[in-house]
Amino acid sequence: MLEIILADLRLPNHANALVELLDAYARDPMGGSEPLPQRTREQLPAALAARPGAHVILAFVDGQPAGLLNAIEGFSTFACQPILNVHDVAVAPAFRGQGISRRLFERAEQIAREIGACKLTLEVLEGNRHAQAAYRRFGFAPYALDPALGSAMFWQKPLAAAAHPLAQAKAAEAA
């Protein structure tokens, strides 16, 4: 039986499912082929639970963690409304092809409507044609204000690793 739920990361089984599914995704070539750092594994559930605009959606099949969608609220200044950005989507290999990602996106869209969001956004690698096809089926398309100017690109500027506030608090307690 498939169950789609909004995670309560204070519950150990929800926190463990988040870390397990995200780590499996991180180890996949489309997730960077590297396991999650130990610090992330230890602190992510509490860090996400502390963010009011974070929404973690979990899929369980017969009680087993099967899928994950992490979404973070943002804001559109042009529309003067919230945006819900889908940050991570992962379905465990054993559960792929069962419509789980579609159900995760349906729940994310429901949340977006509840918060009054003007749109859902996401990023996808150019080479991940499988995900792109799925996202198009779910109603997503590349973003462009003017086709003559091309689609928007998602860029990043990595910053030096800064200690997370939770890590700082733990270090202070240990001292």
N, C-alpha and C. Protein backbone atom coordinates (compact mmCIF):
# COMPACT_ATOMS: atom_id res chain seq x y z
N MET A 1 0.83 -1.18 0.00
CA MET A 1 0.00 0.00 0.00
C MET A 1 0.88 1.25 0.00
N LEU A 2 0.60 2.20 -0.90
CA LEU A 2 1.34 3.45 -1.00
C LEU A 2 0.73 4.50 -0.08
N GLU A 3 1.58 5.13 0.72
CA GLU A 3 1.15 6.19 1.63
C GLU A 3 2.04 7.41 1.37
N ILE A 4 1.43 8.57 1.09
CA ILE A 4 2.14 9.83 0.89
C ILE A 4 1.82 10.70 2.10
N ILE A 5 2.87 11.14 2.81
CA ILE A 5 2.65 11.90 4.04
C ILE A 5 3.57 13.11 4.11
N LEU A 6 3.11 14.12 4.81
CA LEU A 6 3.96 15.25 5.16
C LEU A 6 4.72 14.80 6.41
N ALA A 7 6.04 14.79 6.31
CA ALA A 7 6.86 14.25 7.39
C ALA A 7 6.79 15.10 8.65
N ASP A 8 6.86 14.42 9.76
CA ASP A 8 7.09 15.04 11.07
C ASP A 8 8.49 14.59 11.47
N LEU A 9 9.48 15.44 11.24
CA LEU A 9 10.87 15.04 11.41
C LEU A 9 11.28 14.84 12.87
N ARG A 10 10.34 15.06 13.81
CA ARG A 10 10.60 14.70 15.21
C ARG A 10 10.43 13.20 15.41
N LEU A 11 9.73 12.55 14.47
CA LEU A 11 9.54 11.10 14.56
C LEU A 11 10.76 10.39 13.97
N PRO A 12 11.36 9.49 14.72
CA PRO A 12 12.57 8.82 14.23
C PRO A 12 12.41 8.14 12.87
N ASN A 13 11.26 7.48 12.63
CA ASN A 13 11.12 6.79 11.34
C ASN A 13 11.03 7.78 10.18
N HIS A 14 10.47 8.96 10.40
CA HIS A 14 10.42 9.98 9.35
C HIS A 14 11.81 10.57 9.13
N ALA A 15 12.51 10.88 10.22
CA ALA A 15 13.87 11.43 10.11
C ALA A 15 14.79 10.43 9.43
N ASN A 16 14.69 9.17 9.80
CA ASN A 16 15.53 8.13 9.19
C ASN A 16 15.19 7.94 7.72
N ALA A 17 13.92 8.00 7.36
CA ALA A 17 13.51 7.86 5.95
C ALA A 17 14.08 9.01 5.13
N LEU A 18 14.00 10.23 5.65
CA LEU A 18 14.57 11.39 4.96
C LEU A 18 16.04 11.17 4.66
N VAL A 19 16.82 10.81 5.67
CA VAL A 19 18.26 10.64 5.51
C VAL A 19 18.57 9.46 4.59
N GLU A 20 17.88 8.36 4.77
CA GLU A 20 18.11 7.16 3.95
C GLU A 20 17.85 7.44 2.47
N LEU A 21 16.71 8.05 2.18
CA LEU A 21 16.34 8.31 0.78
C LEU A 21 17.23 9.38 0.16
N LEU A 22 17.54 10.43 0.91
CA LEU A 22 18.39 11.49 0.37
C LEU A 22 19.82 10.98 0.16
N ASP A 23 20.31 10.13 1.06
CA ASP A 23 21.64 9.56 0.88
C ASP A 23 21.70 8.68 -0.36
N ALA A 24 20.67 7.87 -0.58
CA ALA A 24 20.63 7.04 -1.78
C ALA A 24 20.64 7.90 -3.04
N TYR A 25 19.90 9.00 -3.02
CA TYR A 25 19.88 9.93 -4.15
C TYR A 25 21.25 10.57 -4.34
N ALA A 26 21.89 10.99 -3.25
CA ALA A 26 23.20 11.62 -3.34
C ALA A 26 24.23 10.66 -3.94
N ARG A 27 24.10 9.38 -3.68
CA ARG A 27 25.04 8.37 -4.20
C ARG A 27 24.80 8.06 -5.68
N ASP A 28 23.64 8.41 -6.20
CA ASP A 28 23.30 8.20 -7.61
C ASP A 28 24.07 9.20 -8.47
N PRO A 29 24.41 8.83 -9.71
CA PRO A 29 25.10 9.80 -10.58
C PRO A 29 24.33 11.12 -10.73
N MET A 30 23.01 11.09 -10.72
CA MET A 30 22.23 12.32 -10.86
C MET A 30 22.22 13.14 -9.58
N GLY A 31 22.71 12.56 -8.49
CA GLY A 31 22.80 13.28 -7.22
C GLY A 31 24.23 13.63 -6.84
N GLY A 32 25.18 13.32 -7.72
CA GLY A 32 26.58 13.67 -7.47
C GLY A 32 27.50 12.50 -7.18
N SER A 33 26.94 11.29 -7.01
CA SER A 33 27.74 10.07 -6.81
C SER A 33 28.54 10.05 -5.51
N GLU A 34 28.14 10.83 -4.54
CA GLU A 34 28.84 10.87 -3.25
C GLU A 34 27.83 10.70 -2.12
N PRO A 35 28.18 9.95 -1.08
CA PRO A 35 27.26 9.85 0.06
C PRO A 35 27.13 11.19 0.77
N LEU A 36 26.03 11.35 1.49
CA LEU A 36 25.87 12.56 2.30
C LEU A 36 26.97 12.62 3.36
N PRO A 37 27.50 13.79 3.63
CA PRO A 37 28.46 13.91 4.73
C PRO A 37 27.81 13.50 6.05
N GLN A 38 28.61 12.98 6.95
CA GLN A 38 28.09 12.53 8.25
C GLN A 38 27.38 13.66 8.98
N ARG A 39 27.94 14.87 8.92
CA ARG A 39 27.32 16.02 9.56
C ARG A 39 25.91 16.24 9.03
N THR A 40 25.73 16.12 7.72
CA THR A 40 24.41 16.29 7.12
C THR A 40 23.48 15.19 7.60
N ARG A 41 23.96 13.96 7.60
CA ARG A 41 23.14 12.83 8.04
C ARG A 41 22.64 13.06 9.47
N GLU A 42 23.50 13.59 10.32
CA GLU A 42 23.16 13.79 11.72
C GLU A 42 22.26 15.00 11.95
N GLN A 43 22.44 16.06 11.18
CA GLN A 43 21.78 17.33 11.50
C GLN A 43 20.61 17.69 10.59
N LEU A 44 20.50 17.06 9.43
CA LEU A 44 19.48 17.49 8.47
C LEU A 44 18.05 17.42 9.01
N PRO A 45 17.62 16.34 9.64
CA PRO A 45 16.22 16.33 10.12
C PRO A 45 15.90 17.49 11.05
N ALA A 46 16.75 17.77 12.02
CA ALA A 46 16.49 18.88 12.94
C ALA A 46 16.58 20.23 12.24
N ALA A 47 17.52 20.37 11.31
CA ALA A 47 17.67 21.64 10.60
C ALA A 47 16.44 21.92 9.73
N LEU A 48 15.93 20.91 9.04
CA LEU A 48 14.73 21.11 8.23
C LEU A 48 13.51 21.35 9.11
N ALA A 49 13.41 20.62 10.21
CA ALA A 49 12.27 20.80 11.11
C ALA A 49 12.23 22.21 11.68
N ALA A 50 13.39 22.84 11.81
CA ALA A 50 13.46 24.20 12.36
C ALA A 50 13.12 25.28 11.34
N ARG A 51 13.01 24.92 10.08
CA ARG A 51 12.71 25.89 9.02
C ARG A 51 11.21 25.88 8.75
N PRO A 52 10.50 26.97 9.06
CA PRO A 52 9.05 26.98 8.86
C PRO A 52 8.61 26.80 7.40
N GLY A 53 9.44 27.18 6.45
CA GLY A 53 9.07 27.05 5.04
C GLY A 53 9.53 25.78 4.37
N ALA A 54 10.01 24.82 5.16
CA ALA A 54 10.47 23.55 4.60
C ALA A 54 9.35 22.52 4.68
N HIS A 55 9.14 21.81 3.59
CA HIS A 55 8.11 20.78 3.52
C HIS A 55 8.77 19.49 3.03
N VAL A 56 8.74 18.46 3.85
CA VAL A 56 9.31 17.16 3.50
C VAL A 56 8.15 16.20 3.30
N ILE A 57 8.04 15.68 2.09
CA ILE A 57 6.97 14.74 1.74
C ILE A 57 7.62 13.38 1.56
N LEU A 58 7.09 12.40 2.25
CA LEU A 58 7.62 11.04 2.18
C LEU A 58 6.59 10.09 1.56
N ALA A 59 7.10 9.12 0.83
CA ALA A 59 6.27 8.03 0.31
C ALA A 59 6.73 6.74 0.98
N PHE A 60 5.78 6.00 1.50
CA PHE A 60 6.06 4.69 2.08
C PHE A 60 5.24 3.66 1.31
N VAL A 61 5.86 2.54 0.99
CA VAL A 61 5.15 1.42 0.38
C VAL A 61 5.23 0.26 1.36
N ASP A 62 4.08 -0.15 1.84
CA ASP A 62 4.01 -1.21 2.85
C ASP A 62 4.96 -0.93 4.01
N GLY A 63 5.00 0.34 4.42
CA GLY A 63 5.82 0.73 5.56
C GLY A 63 7.28 0.99 5.25
N GLN A 64 7.71 0.74 4.02
CA GLN A 64 9.11 0.94 3.64
C GLN A 64 9.29 2.30 2.99
N PRO A 65 10.36 3.06 3.35
CA PRO A 65 10.61 4.34 2.69
C PRO A 65 10.82 4.13 1.19
N ALA A 66 10.04 4.81 0.37
CA ALA A 66 10.09 4.59 -1.07
C ALA A 66 10.40 5.86 -1.86
N GLY A 67 10.02 7.03 -1.34
CA GLY A 67 10.22 8.26 -2.10
C GLY A 67 10.24 9.47 -1.20
N LEU A 68 10.80 10.54 -1.73
CA LEU A 68 11.01 11.76 -0.98
C LEU A 68 10.87 12.96 -1.91
N LEU A 69 10.26 14.01 -1.42
CA LEU A 69 10.26 15.31 -2.09
C LEU A 69 10.45 16.37 -1.02
N ASN A 70 11.55 17.13 -1.14
CA ASN A 70 11.82 18.25 -0.25
C ASN A 70 11.49 19.53 -1.00
N ALA A 71 10.68 20.39 -0.40
CA ALA A 71 10.31 21.66 -1.02
C ALA A 71 10.52 22.78 -0.01
N ILE A 72 10.99 23.90 -0.52
CA ILE A 72 11.30 25.04 0.33
C ILE A 72 10.56 26.26 -0.21
N GLU A 73 9.89 26.97 0.68
CA GLU A 73 9.17 28.18 0.27
C GLU A 73 10.14 29.30 -0.07
N GLY A 74 9.81 29.99 -1.16
CA GLY A 74 10.52 31.21 -1.56
C GLY A 74 9.47 32.27 -1.82
N PHE A 75 9.86 33.33 -2.54
CA PHE A 75 8.93 34.42 -2.77
C PHE A 75 9.20 35.04 -4.13
N SER A 76 8.15 35.27 -4.89
CA SER A 76 8.24 35.96 -6.18
C SER A 76 7.96 37.44 -5.95
N THR A 77 8.95 38.27 -6.21
CA THR A 77 8.73 39.71 -6.07
C THR A 77 7.85 40.23 -7.19
N PHE A 78 7.95 39.65 -8.39
CA PHE A 78 7.12 40.10 -9.51
C PHE A 78 5.65 39.81 -9.25
N ALA A 79 5.35 38.63 -8.71
CA ALA A 79 3.96 38.25 -8.44
C ALA A 79 3.51 38.65 -7.04
N CYS A 80 4.46 38.99 -6.18
CA CYS A 80 4.18 39.32 -4.77
C CYS A 80 3.42 38.16 -4.11
N GLN A 81 3.92 36.94 -4.35
CA GLN A 81 3.33 35.72 -3.79
C GLN A 81 4.43 34.72 -3.49
N PRO A 82 4.12 33.78 -2.63
CA PRO A 82 5.08 32.71 -2.37
C PRO A 82 5.33 31.85 -3.62
N ILE A 83 6.45 31.18 -3.61
CA ILE A 83 6.83 30.17 -4.59
C ILE A 83 7.15 28.92 -3.78
N LEU A 84 6.87 27.75 -4.29
CA LEU A 84 7.33 26.53 -3.64
C LEU A 84 8.36 25.89 -4.56
N ASN A 85 9.61 25.87 -4.09
CA ASN A 85 10.70 25.29 -4.87
C ASN A 85 10.92 23.84 -4.47
N VAL A 86 10.83 22.96 -5.44
CA VAL A 86 11.11 21.54 -5.21
C VAL A 86 12.62 21.39 -5.27
N HIS A 87 13.21 21.08 -4.14
CA HIS A 87 14.67 21.02 -4.05
C HIS A 87 15.20 19.62 -4.32
N ASP A 88 14.56 18.60 -3.80
CA ASP A 88 15.00 17.21 -4.00
C ASP A 88 13.80 16.35 -4.32
N VAL A 89 13.98 15.45 -5.26
CA VAL A 89 12.99 14.41 -5.55
C VAL A 89 13.77 13.12 -5.71
N ALA A 90 13.36 12.11 -4.98
CA ALA A 90 14.05 10.83 -5.08
C ALA A 90 13.05 9.70 -4.86
N VAL A 91 13.18 8.68 -5.70
CA VAL A 91 12.41 7.45 -5.52
C VAL A 91 13.44 6.33 -5.47
N ALA A 92 13.36 5.52 -4.43
CA ALA A 92 14.29 4.40 -4.27
C ALA A 92 14.18 3.48 -5.48
N PRO A 93 15.31 2.96 -5.97
CA PRO A 93 15.31 2.13 -7.17
C PRO A 93 14.28 0.99 -7.16
N ALA A 94 14.08 0.36 -6.04
CA ALA A 94 13.14 -0.77 -5.96
C ALA A 94 11.69 -0.34 -6.18
N PHE A 95 11.41 0.97 -6.09
CA PHE A 95 10.03 1.45 -6.18
C PHE A 95 9.77 2.31 -7.42
N ARG A 96 10.75 2.42 -8.30
CA ARG A 96 10.58 3.24 -9.49
C ARG A 96 9.57 2.61 -10.44
N GLY A 97 8.92 3.46 -11.23
CA GLY A 97 7.96 2.98 -12.21
C GLY A 97 6.58 2.69 -11.63
N GLN A 98 6.34 3.11 -10.40
CA GLN A 98 5.05 2.84 -9.74
C GLN A 98 4.22 4.10 -9.54
N GLY A 99 4.63 5.22 -10.16
CA GLY A 99 3.87 6.45 -10.05
C GLY A 99 4.10 7.23 -8.76
N ILE A 100 5.15 6.88 -8.04
CA ILE A 100 5.40 7.53 -6.75
C ILE A 100 5.77 9.00 -6.93
N SER A 101 6.62 9.31 -7.90
CA SER A 101 7.02 10.71 -8.08
C SER A 101 5.80 11.57 -8.45
N ARG A 102 4.91 11.04 -9.25
CA ARG A 102 3.69 11.78 -9.60
C ARG A 102 2.89 12.10 -8.34
N ARG A 103 2.75 11.12 -7.47
CA ARG A 103 1.99 11.32 -6.23
C ARG A 103 2.70 12.32 -5.30
N LEU A 104 4.04 12.29 -5.27
CA LEU A 104 4.78 13.27 -4.47
C LEU A 104 4.55 14.68 -5.00
N PHE A 105 4.57 14.82 -6.33
CA PHE A 105 4.34 16.13 -6.93
C PHE A 105 2.90 16.60 -6.72
N GLU A 106 1.94 15.69 -6.74
CA GLU A 106 0.55 16.08 -6.45
C GLU A 106 0.45 16.66 -5.05
N ARG A 107 1.13 16.06 -4.09
CA ARG A 107 1.10 16.56 -2.71
C ARG A 107 1.81 17.91 -2.62
N ALA A 108 2.93 18.05 -3.34
CA ALA A 108 3.64 19.34 -3.34
C ALA A 108 2.76 20.43 -3.94
N GLU A 109 2.03 20.11 -5.00
CA GLU A 109 1.14 21.11 -5.60
C GLU A 109 0.03 21.48 -4.63
N GLN A 110 -0.47 20.52 -3.89
CA GLN A 110 -1.50 20.80 -2.88
C GLN A 110 -0.96 21.78 -1.83
N ILE A 111 0.26 21.54 -1.36
CA ILE A 111 0.88 22.43 -0.38
C ILE A 111 1.06 23.82 -0.99
N ALA A 112 1.53 23.88 -2.24
CA ALA A 112 1.73 25.17 -2.91
C ALA A 112 0.42 25.96 -2.96
N ARG A 113 -0.66 25.29 -3.28
CA ARG A 113 -1.95 25.97 -3.32
C ARG A 113 -2.38 26.43 -1.92
N GLU A 114 -2.11 25.61 -0.90
CA GLU A 114 -2.47 25.97 0.47
C GLU A 114 -1.73 27.21 0.95
N ILE A 115 -0.48 27.40 0.53
CA ILE A 115 0.30 28.57 0.97
C ILE A 115 0.10 29.77 0.04
N GLY A 116 -0.73 29.61 -0.99
CA GLY A 116 -0.98 30.71 -1.92
C GLY A 116 0.14 30.95 -2.91
N ALA A 117 0.91 29.91 -3.19
CA ALA A 117 2.03 30.06 -4.13
C ALA A 117 1.54 30.33 -5.55
N CYS A 118 2.32 31.12 -6.26
CA CYS A 118 1.99 31.42 -7.66
C CYS A 118 2.55 30.36 -8.60
N LYS A 119 3.55 29.60 -8.12
CA LYS A 119 4.12 28.56 -8.97
C LYS A 119 4.99 27.61 -8.15
N LEU A 120 5.21 26.46 -8.76
CA LEU A 120 6.19 25.49 -8.28
C LEU A 120 7.42 25.64 -9.17
N THR A 121 8.60 25.57 -8.58
CA THR A 121 9.83 25.62 -9.36
C THR A 121 10.70 24.42 -9.02
N LEU A 122 11.64 24.12 -9.89
CA LEU A 122 12.61 23.06 -9.63
C LEU A 122 13.80 23.27 -10.54
N GLU A 123 14.86 22.54 -10.26
CA GLU A 123 16.03 22.52 -11.13
C GLU A 123 16.24 21.09 -11.58
N VAL A 124 16.81 20.93 -12.77
CA VAL A 124 17.08 19.60 -13.30
C VAL A 124 18.35 19.67 -14.14
N LEU A 125 19.17 18.64 -14.07
CA LEU A 125 20.39 18.60 -14.87
C LEU A 125 20.05 18.47 -16.35
N GLU A 126 20.83 19.15 -17.19
CA GLU A 126 20.61 19.08 -18.64
C GLU A 126 20.61 17.64 -19.14
N GLY A 127 21.48 16.81 -18.58
CA GLY A 127 21.62 15.44 -19.04
C GLY A 127 20.62 14.46 -18.45
N ASN A 128 19.79 14.91 -17.54
CA ASN A 128 18.82 14.00 -16.91
C ASN A 128 17.52 14.03 -17.70
N ARG A 129 17.56 13.43 -18.87
CA ARG A 129 16.41 13.44 -19.79
C ARG A 129 15.21 12.71 -19.20
N HIS A 130 15.46 11.66 -18.43
CA HIS A 130 14.36 10.91 -17.82
C HIS A 130 13.56 11.80 -16.88
N ALA A 131 14.27 12.53 -16.01
CA ALA A 131 13.58 13.43 -15.07
C ALA A 131 12.89 14.55 -15.83
N GLN A 132 13.54 15.09 -16.85
CA GLN A 132 12.92 16.16 -17.63
C GLN A 132 11.60 15.71 -18.25
N ALA A 133 11.59 14.50 -18.78
CA ALA A 133 10.35 13.98 -19.38
C ALA A 133 9.26 13.85 -18.33
N ALA A 134 9.63 13.36 -17.15
CA ALA A 134 8.64 13.23 -16.07
C ALA A 134 8.13 14.61 -15.66
N TYR A 135 9.03 15.56 -15.50
CA TYR A 135 8.61 16.90 -15.07
C TYR A 135 7.69 17.54 -16.11
N ARG A 136 7.97 17.32 -17.38
CA ARG A 136 7.08 17.85 -18.42
C ARG A 136 5.69 17.22 -18.31
N ARG A 137 5.65 15.91 -18.03
CA ARG A 137 4.35 15.24 -17.84
C ARG A 137 3.60 15.84 -16.66
N PHE A 138 4.34 16.31 -15.65
CA PHE A 138 3.72 16.90 -14.47
C PHE A 138 3.37 18.37 -14.67
N GLY A 139 3.65 18.93 -15.86
CA GLY A 139 3.27 20.30 -16.18
C GLY A 139 4.38 21.33 -16.07
N PHE A 140 5.60 20.92 -15.80
CA PHE A 140 6.74 21.85 -15.72
C PHE A 140 7.31 22.11 -17.11
N ALA A 141 7.93 23.26 -17.27
CA ALA A 141 8.60 23.62 -18.52
C ALA A 141 9.73 24.59 -18.18
N PRO A 142 10.74 24.67 -19.05
CA PRO A 142 11.79 25.66 -18.81
C PRO A 142 11.19 27.06 -18.72
N TYR A 143 11.80 27.90 -17.92
CA TYR A 143 11.31 29.25 -17.64
C TYR A 143 11.98 30.25 -18.57
N ALA A 144 11.18 31.04 -19.25
CA ALA A 144 11.70 32.12 -20.11
C ALA A 144 10.72 33.29 -20.08
N LEU A 145 11.24 34.47 -19.91
CA LEU A 145 10.41 35.68 -20.01
C LEU A 145 10.16 36.02 -21.47
N ASP A 146 11.19 35.83 -22.28
CA ASP A 146 11.14 36.13 -23.71
C ASP A 146 11.91 35.02 -24.42
N PRO A 147 11.25 34.24 -25.28
CA PRO A 147 11.95 33.14 -25.96
C PRO A 147 13.21 33.58 -26.69
N ALA A 148 13.25 34.82 -27.16
CA ALA A 148 14.45 35.31 -27.84
C ALA A 148 15.65 35.41 -26.91
N LEU A 149 15.39 35.52 -25.61
CA LEU A 149 16.48 35.62 -24.63
C LEU A 149 16.85 34.26 -24.04
N GLY A 150 16.09 33.22 -24.35
CA GLY A 150 16.40 31.89 -23.87
C GLY A 150 15.83 31.59 -22.50
N SER A 151 16.04 30.38 -22.07
CA SER A 151 15.55 29.91 -20.78
C SER A 151 16.44 30.39 -19.65
N ALA A 152 15.84 30.50 -18.48
CA ALA A 152 16.61 30.85 -17.29
C ALA A 152 17.58 29.72 -16.97
N MET A 153 18.72 30.08 -16.39
CA MET A 153 19.70 29.09 -15.98
C MET A 153 19.86 29.17 -14.47
N PHE A 154 20.05 28.04 -13.85
CA PHE A 154 20.26 27.99 -12.41
C PHE A 154 21.77 27.97 -12.17
N TRP A 155 22.30 28.99 -11.55
CA TRP A 155 23.73 29.10 -11.28
C TRP A 155 23.96 29.06 -9.78
N GLN A 156 25.21 28.83 -9.41
CA GLN A 156 25.56 28.84 -8.00
C GLN A 156 26.93 29.45 -7.78
N LYS A 157 27.15 29.94 -6.60
CA LYS A 157 28.46 30.40 -6.14
C LYS A 157 28.70 29.73 -4.80
N PRO A 158 29.51 28.67 -4.78
CA PRO A 158 29.78 28.01 -3.50
C PRO A 158 30.48 28.96 -2.52
N LEU A 159 30.08 28.89 -1.27
CA LEU A 159 30.69 29.68 -0.21
C LEU A 159 31.49 28.77 0.68
N ALA A 160 32.45 29.32 1.37
CA ALA A 160 33.24 28.52 2.30
C ALA A 160 32.31 27.83 3.27
N ALA A 161 32.65 26.63 3.62
CA ALA A 161 31.82 25.87 4.55
C ALA A 161 31.74 26.62 5.87
N ALA A 162 30.55 27.00 6.21
CA ALA A 162 30.31 27.69 7.48
C ALA A 162 29.67 26.71 8.44
N ALA A 163 30.03 26.81 9.66
CA ALA A 163 29.44 25.91 10.66
C ALA A 163 27.95 26.20 10.77
N HIS A 164 27.17 25.17 10.72
CA HIS A 164 25.72 25.28 10.87
C HIS A 164 25.41 25.65 12.33
N PRO A 165 24.39 26.47 12.56
CA PRO A 165 24.06 26.84 13.94
C PRO A 165 23.88 25.65 14.88
N LEU A 166 23.32 24.55 14.40
CA LEU A 166 23.17 23.38 15.26
C LEU A 166 24.52 22.80 15.64
N ALA A 167 25.47 22.82 14.68
CA ALA A 167 26.81 22.31 14.98
C ALA A 167 27.50 23.24 15.98
N GLN A 168 27.30 24.55 15.82
CA GLN A 168 27.88 25.50 16.75
C GLN A 168 27.34 25.29 18.16
N ALA A 169 26.04 25.04 18.25
CA ALA A 169 25.42 24.82 19.56
C ALA A 169 25.97 23.55 20.22
N LYS A 170 26.12 22.49 19.43
CA LYS A 170 26.66 21.23 19.98
C LYS A 170 28.11 21.43 20.43
N ALA A 171 28.89 22.17 19.64
CA ALA A 171 30.28 22.43 20.00
C ALA A 171 30.35 23.23 21.30
N ALA A 172 29.45 24.19 21.45
CA ALA A 172 29.43 25.00 22.67
C ALA A 172 29.06 24.16 23.88
N GLU A 173 28.11 23.22 23.68
CA GLU A 173 27.70 22.34 24.79
C GLU A 173 28.85 21.42 25.21
N ALA A 174 29.62 20.96 24.22
CA ALA A 174 30.72 20.03 24.51
C ALA A 174 31.88 20.73 25.19
N ALA A 175 32.01 22.03 25.00
CA ALA A 175 33.15 22.78 25.56
C ALA A 175 33.04 23.02 27.05
